[in-house]
């Protein structure tokens, strides 16, 4: 098996390597605090203490009260719970507003609601993937039940003006949900200052375990459960809590709270270095915002006209480098990125979408190495295009010193 260099992992938007402190805490909980938090005996009391300590840690990261945190299985469930928890309160279909570049866990819930008769408005975005607050104001209707907007877009890195968008909804008395999965732990969040009613985060995006996340619920907001059971998590999310994973999320949240300010600055520095190293590569067309104010600090994205993002990802993987593609493969056919299509890119360009996302393991030396490799991979693929779904041939043609 090839030993992969963690510094060459440039896919932190997909998942992050769990911190050693997180792993240690999870092992400790599995060995010594394995009780059911709902039980009344000593083992249950110890488990409940572990649970509430983790809840306090997540609340500290978000700048809110612990009672506002509901633990879930991750970002997808948090998004589903937010949207359906509002929608289920209505006897008749209402109106939902989302953006045209939402994560699939929001987009597909919207499609489900549409099949039930709900009216769905998808806000347009600019060429850089940004929403105009005026478009949201125009979209609101008397029967608008909810607005859900992705804070940091996972594919093209755009940061929406969440405070202004949420304030618009607060003034109209409409619940506002924000998917902050890509933001939490990378940019400071303060729920006491943001007029947001519901906010989703995921543990494995901030160096915690996979399979756990949380949903912030503003005090006083009614939310119906989508799981029926024992009434855990204040009756909103039934099921015995996965205590080791939640404890790990708590530790990850603690470290994120301590490090977020400095880490944001460090990531932006590496982001600028990577952007500069790729600036004179003519085949790369930047996607998403070009200025740091409106872009996630760990994220760069491009499209390459004439190549599939999948082929580029496969070729980079053969060099021991991890990046991701925006296009998808379905039954042997490449599907253009729907996000780029919504931004006005052509289907051919949208097939060539790639994303590079950095993190704690990223070094300036790794940035230089990955930039060099990407430039050579693209040049080789343009000279000698691979099969539509593969990039196998490029590995043998690249210089030996770029291989792992």
Protein backbone atom coordinates (compact mmCIF):
# COMPACT_ATOMS: atom_id res chain seq x y z
CA UNK A 1 0.00 0.00 0.00
CA UNK A 2 1.27 3.47 -0.91
CA UNK A 3 2.05 5.66 2.12
CA UNK A 4 0.20 8.91 1.49
CA UNK A 5 1.71 12.20 2.59
CA UNK A 6 -0.98 14.02 4.65
CA UNK A 7 0.39 17.40 3.58
CA UNK A 8 -0.61 16.56 -0.04
CA UNK A 9 -4.25 16.08 0.94
CA UNK A 10 -5.99 19.08 -0.66
CA UNK A 11 -9.59 17.95 -0.15
CA UNK A 12 -10.44 19.31 3.31
CA UNK A 13 -13.84 20.48 2.08
CA UNK A 14 -14.79 16.81 1.64
CA UNK A 15 -13.57 15.70 5.06
CA UNK A 16 -10.76 16.46 7.50
CA UNK A 17 -8.41 14.08 9.34
CA UNK A 18 -9.57 13.78 12.97
CA UNK A 19 -7.28 15.35 15.52
CA UNK A 20 -5.30 13.01 17.76
CA UNK A 21 -7.03 14.62 20.76
CA UNK A 22 -10.39 13.71 19.23
CA UNK A 23 -9.40 10.08 18.73
CA UNK A 24 -8.01 9.87 22.27
CA UNK A 25 -11.21 11.28 23.77
CA UNK A 26 -13.40 8.91 21.75
CA UNK A 27 -11.36 5.92 22.91
CA UNK A 28 -11.61 7.08 26.49
CA UNK A 29 -15.38 7.45 26.29
CA UNK A 30 -15.83 4.04 24.67
CA UNK A 31 -13.76 2.41 27.41
CA UNK A 32 -14.99 4.23 30.53
CA UNK A 33 -18.18 6.20 29.78
CA UNK A 34 -20.19 3.77 27.70
CA UNK A 35 -23.46 4.18 29.58
CA UNK A 36 -26.75 5.38 28.11
CA UNK A 37 -27.16 9.11 28.84
CA UNK A 38 -30.89 8.54 29.44
CA UNK A 39 -30.33 5.98 32.21
CA UNK A 40 -30.79 7.09 35.83
CA UNK A 41 -27.98 5.06 37.44
CA UNK A 42 -24.36 6.06 37.84
CA UNK A 43 -23.26 4.85 34.44
CA UNK A 44 -26.01 6.88 32.82
CA UNK A 45 -25.16 9.94 34.89
CA UNK A 46 -21.52 9.77 33.80
CA UNK A 47 -22.57 9.47 30.17
CA UNK A 48 -24.99 12.37 30.51
CA UNK A 49 -22.17 14.51 31.90
CA UNK A 50 -19.99 13.67 28.88
CA UNK A 51 -22.90 14.56 26.61
CA UNK A 52 -23.52 17.95 28.19
CA UNK A 53 -19.82 18.88 28.26
CA UNK A 54 -19.73 18.29 24.49
CA UNK A 55 -22.90 20.33 24.06
CA UNK A 56 -21.29 23.23 25.92
CA UNK A 57 -18.23 23.00 23.69
CA UNK A 58 -20.27 23.21 20.48
CA UNK A 59 -22.30 26.06 21.94
CA UNK A 60 -19.10 27.93 22.74
CA UNK A 61 -17.91 27.53 19.15
CA UNK A 62 -21.18 29.06 17.91
CA UNK A 63 -21.54 31.66 20.64
CA UNK A 64 -24.92 30.43 21.87
CA UNK A 65 -26.55 28.72 24.85
CA UNK A 66 -26.05 24.94 25.16
CA UNK A 67 -29.82 24.40 25.19
CA UNK A 68 -29.88 25.55 21.55
CA UNK A 69 -27.69 22.66 20.33
CA UNK A 70 -29.32 19.48 18.99
CA UNK A 71 -26.96 16.63 18.13
CA UNK A 72 -27.51 14.85 14.80
CA UNK A 73 -25.69 12.39 12.55
CA UNK A 74 -24.13 15.21 10.49
CA UNK A 75 -24.80 18.06 8.08
CA UNK A 76 -27.27 16.16 5.90
CA UNK A 77 -29.52 15.25 8.81
CA UNK A 78 -29.23 18.73 10.30
CA UNK A 79 -30.36 20.27 7.00
CA UNK A 80 -33.20 17.78 6.64
CA UNK A 81 -34.33 18.37 10.23
CA UNK A 82 -34.27 22.14 9.77
CA UNK A 83 -36.35 22.17 6.58
CA UNK A 84 -38.74 19.34 7.35
CA UNK A 85 -39.06 20.36 10.98
CA UNK A 86 -40.63 23.60 9.75
CA UNK A 87 -42.50 22.17 6.76
CA UNK A 88 -44.27 19.45 8.76
CA UNK A 89 -46.02 22.09 10.84
CA UNK A 90 -48.17 23.11 7.86
CA UNK A 91 -51.31 21.25 6.90
CA UNK A 92 -51.17 22.64 3.37
CA UNK A 93 -48.17 23.27 1.08
CA UNK A 94 -46.46 26.62 1.48
CA UNK A 95 -43.53 28.46 -0.13
CA UNK A 96 -39.81 27.77 0.42
CA UNK A 97 -36.88 29.91 -0.72
CA UNK A 98 -33.39 28.46 -1.29
CA UNK A 99 -30.47 29.42 -3.51
CA UNK A 100 -29.74 27.86 -6.89
CA UNK A 101 -26.40 26.51 -5.57
CA UNK A 102 -27.45 24.70 -2.40
CA UNK A 103 -25.90 21.50 -1.14
CA UNK A 104 -27.79 18.40 -2.30
CA UNK A 105 -29.11 17.81 1.23
CA UNK A 106 -31.13 21.04 0.88
CA UNK A 107 -31.79 20.89 -2.87
CA UNK A 108 -33.20 17.37 -2.68
CA UNK A 109 -35.42 18.20 0.30
CA UNK A 110 -36.76 21.12 -1.74
CA UNK A 111 -37.50 18.75 -4.63
CA UNK A 112 -39.31 16.41 -2.26
CA UNK A 113 -41.42 19.26 -0.91
CA UNK A 114 -42.18 20.35 -4.48
CA UNK A 115 -43.51 16.86 -5.15
CA UNK A 116 -45.86 17.43 -2.20
CA UNK A 117 -47.19 20.65 -3.72
CA UNK A 118 -44.84 23.20 -2.15
CA UNK A 119 -43.76 26.22 -4.19
CA UNK A 120 -39.97 26.52 -4.41
CA UNK A 121 -38.09 29.68 -5.32
CA UNK A 122 -34.39 29.30 -6.16
CA UNK A 123 -32.50 32.57 -5.91
CA UNK A 124 -30.14 33.30 -8.81
CA UNK A 125 -26.46 33.93 -8.19
CA UNK A 126 -23.88 36.12 -9.87
CA UNK A 127 -21.03 34.81 -12.02
CA UNK A 128 -19.08 34.57 -8.73
CA UNK A 129 -21.82 32.59 -7.01
CA UNK A 130 -23.16 35.37 -4.78
CA UNK A 131 -26.77 36.19 -3.91
CA UNK A 132 -28.20 39.70 -4.13
CA UNK A 133 -30.14 40.61 -0.98
CA UNK A 134 -32.64 42.44 -3.18
CA UNK A 135 -33.46 39.18 -4.97
CA UNK A 136 -34.34 37.58 -1.64
CA UNK A 137 -36.59 40.50 -0.71
CA UNK A 138 -38.42 40.16 -4.03
CA UNK A 139 -38.83 36.40 -3.59
CA UNK A 140 -40.59 36.56 -0.22
CA UNK A 141 -44.34 35.96 -0.27
CA UNK A 142 -47.14 36.01 2.30
CA UNK A 143 -46.99 32.21 2.44
CA UNK A 144 -43.19 31.89 2.64
CA UNK A 145 -42.65 29.39 5.44
CA UNK A 146 -38.86 29.38 5.46
CA UNK A 147 -35.65 30.49 3.76
CA UNK A 148 -32.54 28.25 3.61
CA UNK A 149 -29.25 29.62 2.30
CA UNK A 150 -25.84 27.93 2.19
CA UNK A 151 -23.29 30.11 4.02
CA UNK A 152 -20.09 28.76 2.44
CA UNK A 153 -20.55 26.96 -0.88
CA UNK A 154 -18.68 23.66 -0.85
CA UNK A 155 -17.79 23.56 -4.55
CA UNK A 156 -16.94 27.15 -5.51
CA UNK A 157 -16.17 28.64 -2.08
CA UNK A 158 -18.52 31.62 -2.10
CA UNK A 159 -19.44 33.20 1.24
CA UNK A 160 -22.93 34.64 1.19
CA UNK A 161 -23.87 37.89 3.02
CA UNK A 162 -25.64 35.79 5.65
CA UNK A 163 -26.16 38.59 8.17
CA UNK A 164 -28.00 40.75 5.63
CA UNK A 165 -29.99 37.85 4.20
CA UNK A 166 -31.02 36.66 7.64
CA UNK A 167 -31.91 40.18 8.77
CA UNK A 168 -34.24 40.48 5.77
CA UNK A 169 -36.08 37.36 6.89
CA UNK A 170 -36.11 38.36 10.55
CA UNK A 171 -37.80 41.64 9.61
CA UNK A 172 -40.46 39.69 7.72
CA UNK A 173 -40.93 37.16 10.54
CA UNK A 174 -39.75 34.24 8.38
CA UNK A 175 -37.48 31.50 9.85
CA UNK A 176 -34.00 31.51 8.31
CA UNK A 177 -31.82 28.39 8.09
CA UNK A 178 -28.12 28.49 7.29
CA UNK A 179 -25.96 25.53 6.25
CA UNK A 180 -22.62 26.46 7.83
CA UNK A 181 -20.92 23.07 7.40
CA UNK A 182 -18.00 24.57 5.45
CA UNK A 183 -17.76 27.64 7.70
CA UNK A 184 -17.78 26.33 11.28
CA UNK A 185 -14.25 26.17 12.64
CA UNK A 186 -12.82 28.14 9.72
CA UNK A 187 -14.50 31.49 10.26
CA UNK A 188 -15.66 32.81 13.66
CA UNK A 189 -19.41 32.43 14.27
CA UNK A 190 -21.47 34.30 16.85
CA UNK A 191 -25.14 33.35 16.93
CA UNK A 192 -25.93 36.20 19.30
CA UNK A 193 -24.96 38.60 16.53
CA UNK A 194 -26.35 36.69 13.53
CA UNK A 195 -30.15 36.85 13.07
CA UNK A 196 -30.16 33.17 12.10
CA UNK A 197 -32.84 30.82 13.44
CA UNK A 198 -31.33 27.46 12.44
CA UNK A 199 -27.71 26.57 11.62
CA UNK A 200 -26.15 23.25 10.61
CA UNK A 201 -22.61 22.00 11.19
CA UNK A 202 -20.78 18.70 10.71
CA UNK A 203 -18.07 17.17 12.90
CA UNK A 204 -15.88 15.75 10.16
CA UNK A 205 -15.42 19.14 8.51
CA UNK A 206 -13.63 20.53 11.61
CA UNK A 207 -11.27 17.64 12.46
CA UNK A 208 -13.86 15.67 14.39
CA UNK A 209 -15.38 12.26 13.64
CA UNK A 210 -17.63 11.39 10.74
CA UNK A 211 -21.27 10.58 11.46
CA UNK A 212 -21.99 13.37 13.95
CA UNK A 213 -23.09 16.99 13.69
CA UNK A 214 -25.43 19.47 15.27
CA UNK A 215 -28.28 21.83 14.54
CA UNK A 216 -28.55 25.18 16.30
CA UNK A 217 -32.19 26.03 17.03
CA UNK A 218 -33.01 29.55 18.16
CA UNK A 219 -34.74 29.58 21.56
CA UNK A 220 -38.49 29.78 21.13
CA UNK A 221 -38.53 28.42 17.56
CA UNK A 222 -40.84 25.42 17.16
CA UNK A 223 -39.38 22.48 15.27
CA UNK A 224 -41.11 19.15 14.70
CA UNK A 225 -39.05 15.93 14.79
CA UNK A 226 -38.52 13.80 11.71
CA UNK A 227 -37.58 10.73 13.79
CA UNK A 228 -40.06 9.21 16.21
CA UNK A 229 -38.70 7.45 19.27
CA UNK A 230 -37.65 8.05 22.84
CA UNK A 231 -37.65 11.82 22.74
CA UNK A 232 -33.93 12.50 23.21
CA UNK A 233 -32.47 15.93 22.41
CA UNK A 234 -35.47 17.78 23.84
CA UNK A 235 -37.82 15.65 21.78
CA UNK A 236 -36.42 16.98 18.50
CA UNK A 237 -34.03 14.15 17.61
CA UNK A 238 -34.87 10.74 19.06
CA UNK A 239 -32.36 7.92 19.35
CA UNK A 240 -29.68 7.04 21.87
CA UNK A 241 -26.92 9.57 21.36
CA UNK A 242 -23.64 8.23 19.86
CA UNK A 243 -21.63 9.34 22.89
CA UNK A 244 -18.06 8.68 21.64
CA UNK A 245 -18.70 10.59 18.41
CA UNK A 246 -20.40 13.47 20.24
CA UNK A 247 -17.52 13.63 22.72
CA UNK A 248 -15.10 13.76 19.79
CA UNK A 249 -17.11 16.57 18.22
CA UNK A 250 -16.90 18.43 21.52
CA UNK A 251 -13.12 18.19 21.59
CA UNK A 252 -12.90 19.31 17.95
CA UNK A 253 -15.16 22.26 18.78
CA UNK A 254 -12.96 23.19 21.76
CA UNK A 255 -9.85 23.30 19.59
CA UNK A 256 -11.66 25.16 16.82
CA UNK A 257 -12.81 27.81 19.31
CA UNK A 258 -9.22 28.32 20.46
CA UNK A 259 -7.60 28.33 17.04
CA UNK A 260 -10.15 29.75 14.60
CA UNK A 261 -8.82 33.32 14.49
CA UNK A 262 -5.22 32.33 13.84
CA UNK A 263 -6.16 29.46 11.56
CA UNK A 264 -8.31 31.72 9.39
CA UNK A 265 -5.32 34.00 8.81
CA UNK A 266 -2.94 31.08 8.16
CA UNK A 267 -5.32 29.48 5.66
CA UNK A 268 -5.79 32.75 3.80
CA UNK A 269 -2.03 33.07 3.49
CA UNK A 270 -1.70 29.60 1.99
CA UNK A 271 -4.73 30.25 -0.20
CA UNK A 272 -3.04 33.36 -1.61
CA UNK A 273 0.19 31.41 -2.20
CA UNK A 274 -1.66 28.70 -4.10
CA UNK A 275 -3.65 31.19 -6.16
CA UNK A 276 -0.44 33.01 -7.12
CA UNK A 277 1.33 29.75 -8.01
CA UNK A 278 -1.49 28.90 -10.44
CA UNK A 279 -2.15 32.42 -11.72
CA UNK A 280 -0.25 32.06 -14.99
CA UNK A 281 -1.71 28.68 -15.91
CA UNK A 282 -3.89 29.71 -18.89
CA UNK A 283 -6.01 26.57 -18.87
CA UNK A 284 -7.34 27.26 -15.36
CA UNK A 285 -10.48 29.41 -15.21
CA UNK A 286 -11.14 30.58 -11.62
CA UNK A 287 -14.63 29.96 -10.27
CA UNK A 288 -16.26 31.65 -7.32
CA UNK A 289 -15.29 34.97 -5.72
CA UNK A 290 -11.78 36.25 -6.33
CA UNK A 291 -11.56 38.38 -3.18
CA UNK A 292 -11.03 36.90 0.28
CA UNK A 293 -13.94 38.73 1.86
CA UNK A 294 -16.50 36.66 -0.04
CA UNK A 295 -14.60 33.35 -0.17
CA UNK A 296 -13.94 30.52 2.26
CA UNK A 297 -10.35 30.88 3.53
CA UNK A 298 -9.31 27.30 2.79
CA UNK A 299 -10.76 26.96 -0.69
CA UNK A 300 -9.84 27.51 -4.37
CA UNK A 301 -11.77 26.24 -7.39
CA UNK A 302 -11.29 26.27 -11.15
CA UNK A 303 -12.65 24.77 -14.32
CA UNK A 304 -10.62 23.58 -17.29
CA UNK A 305 -12.37 23.87 -20.63
CA UNK A 306 -11.86 20.73 -22.68
CA UNK A 307 -11.01 18.40 -19.77
CA UNK A 308 -13.14 16.59 -17.22
CA UNK A 309 -12.51 17.34 -13.58
CA UNK A 310 -12.66 13.61 -12.94
CA UNK A 311 -9.68 12.96 -15.23
CA UNK A 312 -7.65 15.64 -13.45
CA UNK A 313 -8.53 14.23 -10.03
CA UNK A 314 -7.54 10.72 -11.11
CA UNK A 315 -4.24 11.91 -12.54
CA UNK A 316 -3.41 13.87 -9.38
CA UNK A 317 -4.36 10.87 -7.26
CA UNK A 318 -1.76 8.80 -9.08
CA UNK A 319 0.79 11.31 -7.84
CA UNK A 320 -0.40 10.88 -4.27
CA UNK A 321 -2.27 14.20 -4.26
CA UNK A 322 -5.90 14.53 -3.22
CA UNK A 323 -8.19 17.11 -4.84
CA UNK A 324 -11.83 16.85 -5.93
CA UNK A 325 -14.05 17.44 -8.96
CA UNK A 326 -17.36 19.24 -9.26
CA UNK A 327 -18.64 17.08 -12.09
CA UNK A 328 -20.12 13.69 -11.27
CA UNK A 329 -20.14 10.31 -12.97
CA UNK A 330 -23.49 8.57 -13.31
CA UNK A 331 -23.75 5.22 -15.12
CA UNK A 332 -20.66 5.88 -17.19
CA UNK A 333 -21.59 9.43 -18.20
CA UNK A 334 -20.10 12.63 -16.82
CA UNK A 335 -22.64 15.09 -15.43
CA UNK A 336 -21.71 18.81 -15.46
CA UNK A 337 -21.62 20.64 -12.17
CA UNK A 338 -25.12 22.05 -11.56
CA UNK A 339 -23.53 24.78 -9.44
CA UNK A 340 -21.44 26.09 -12.32
CA UNK A 341 -24.38 25.81 -14.70
CA UNK A 342 -26.39 28.00 -12.32
CA UNK A 343 -23.54 30.53 -12.39
CA UNK A 344 -23.63 30.77 -16.18
CA UNK A 345 -20.76 28.47 -17.16
CA UNK A 346 -21.18 26.29 -20.23
CA UNK A 347 -21.74 22.53 -19.84
CA UNK A 348 -18.27 21.91 -21.30
CA UNK A 349 -16.66 24.19 -18.73
CA UNK A 350 -18.81 22.75 -15.93
CA UNK A 351 -17.47 19.28 -16.71
CA UNK A 352 -13.95 20.52 -15.95
CA UNK A 353 -14.59 21.73 -12.42
CA UNK A 354 -11.93 21.03 -9.76
CA UNK A 355 -11.53 22.09 -6.13
CA UNK A 356 -8.45 22.40 -3.94
CA UNK A 357 -9.11 22.83 -0.22
CA UNK A 358 -6.37 23.12 2.38
CA UNK A 359 -6.23 22.50 6.11
CA UNK A 360 -4.16 21.91 9.25
CA UNK A 361 -1.70 19.58 7.53
CA UNK A 362 -1.03 21.93 4.61
CA UNK A 363 2.42 23.53 4.42
CA UNK A 364 3.86 26.17 2.08
CA UNK A 365 6.11 23.46 0.61
CA UNK A 366 3.08 21.28 -0.13
CA UNK A 367 1.33 24.20 -1.81
CA UNK A 368 4.29 24.68 -4.15
CA UNK A 369 4.50 20.96 -4.92
CA UNK A 370 0.78 20.57 -5.61
CA UNK A 371 0.69 23.67 -7.81
CA UNK A 372 3.60 22.36 -9.88
CA UNK A 373 1.98 18.94 -10.22
CA UNK A 374 -1.39 20.37 -11.24
CA UNK A 375 0.15 22.55 -13.91
CA UNK A 376 2.01 19.60 -15.42
CA UNK A 377 -0.98 17.26 -15.18
CA UNK A 378 -3.22 19.71 -17.03
CA UNK A 379 -0.59 20.37 -19.69
CA UNK A 380 -0.12 16.63 -20.26
CA UNK A 381 -3.85 15.92 -20.37
CA UNK A 382 -4.44 18.72 -22.88
CA UNK A 383 -1.67 17.35 -25.12
CA UNK A 384 -2.74 13.73 -24.75
CA UNK A 385 -6.40 13.56 -23.62
CA UNK A 386 -7.35 10.45 -21.64
CA UNK A 387 -10.46 8.36 -22.13
CA UNK A 388 -13.61 10.27 -21.10
CA UNK A 389 -13.68 8.80 -17.57
CA UNK A 390 -10.03 8.15 -16.91
CA UNK A 391 -6.65 9.74 -16.37
CA UNK A 392 -4.54 6.56 -16.23
CA UNK A 393 -2.12 7.46 -18.99
CA UNK A 394 -0.84 10.64 -17.46
CA UNK A 395 0.92 9.01 -14.51
CA UNK A 396 3.52 7.21 -16.56
CA UNK A 397 4.26 10.35 -18.55
CA UNK A 398 5.02 12.73 -15.67
CA UNK A 399 8.52 13.34 -14.25
CA UNK A 400 9.56 10.74 -11.67
CA UNK A 401 10.18 13.39 -8.98
CA UNK A 402 6.45 14.28 -8.96
CA UNK A 403 5.34 10.72 -8.26
CA UNK A 404 4.73 9.37 -4.74
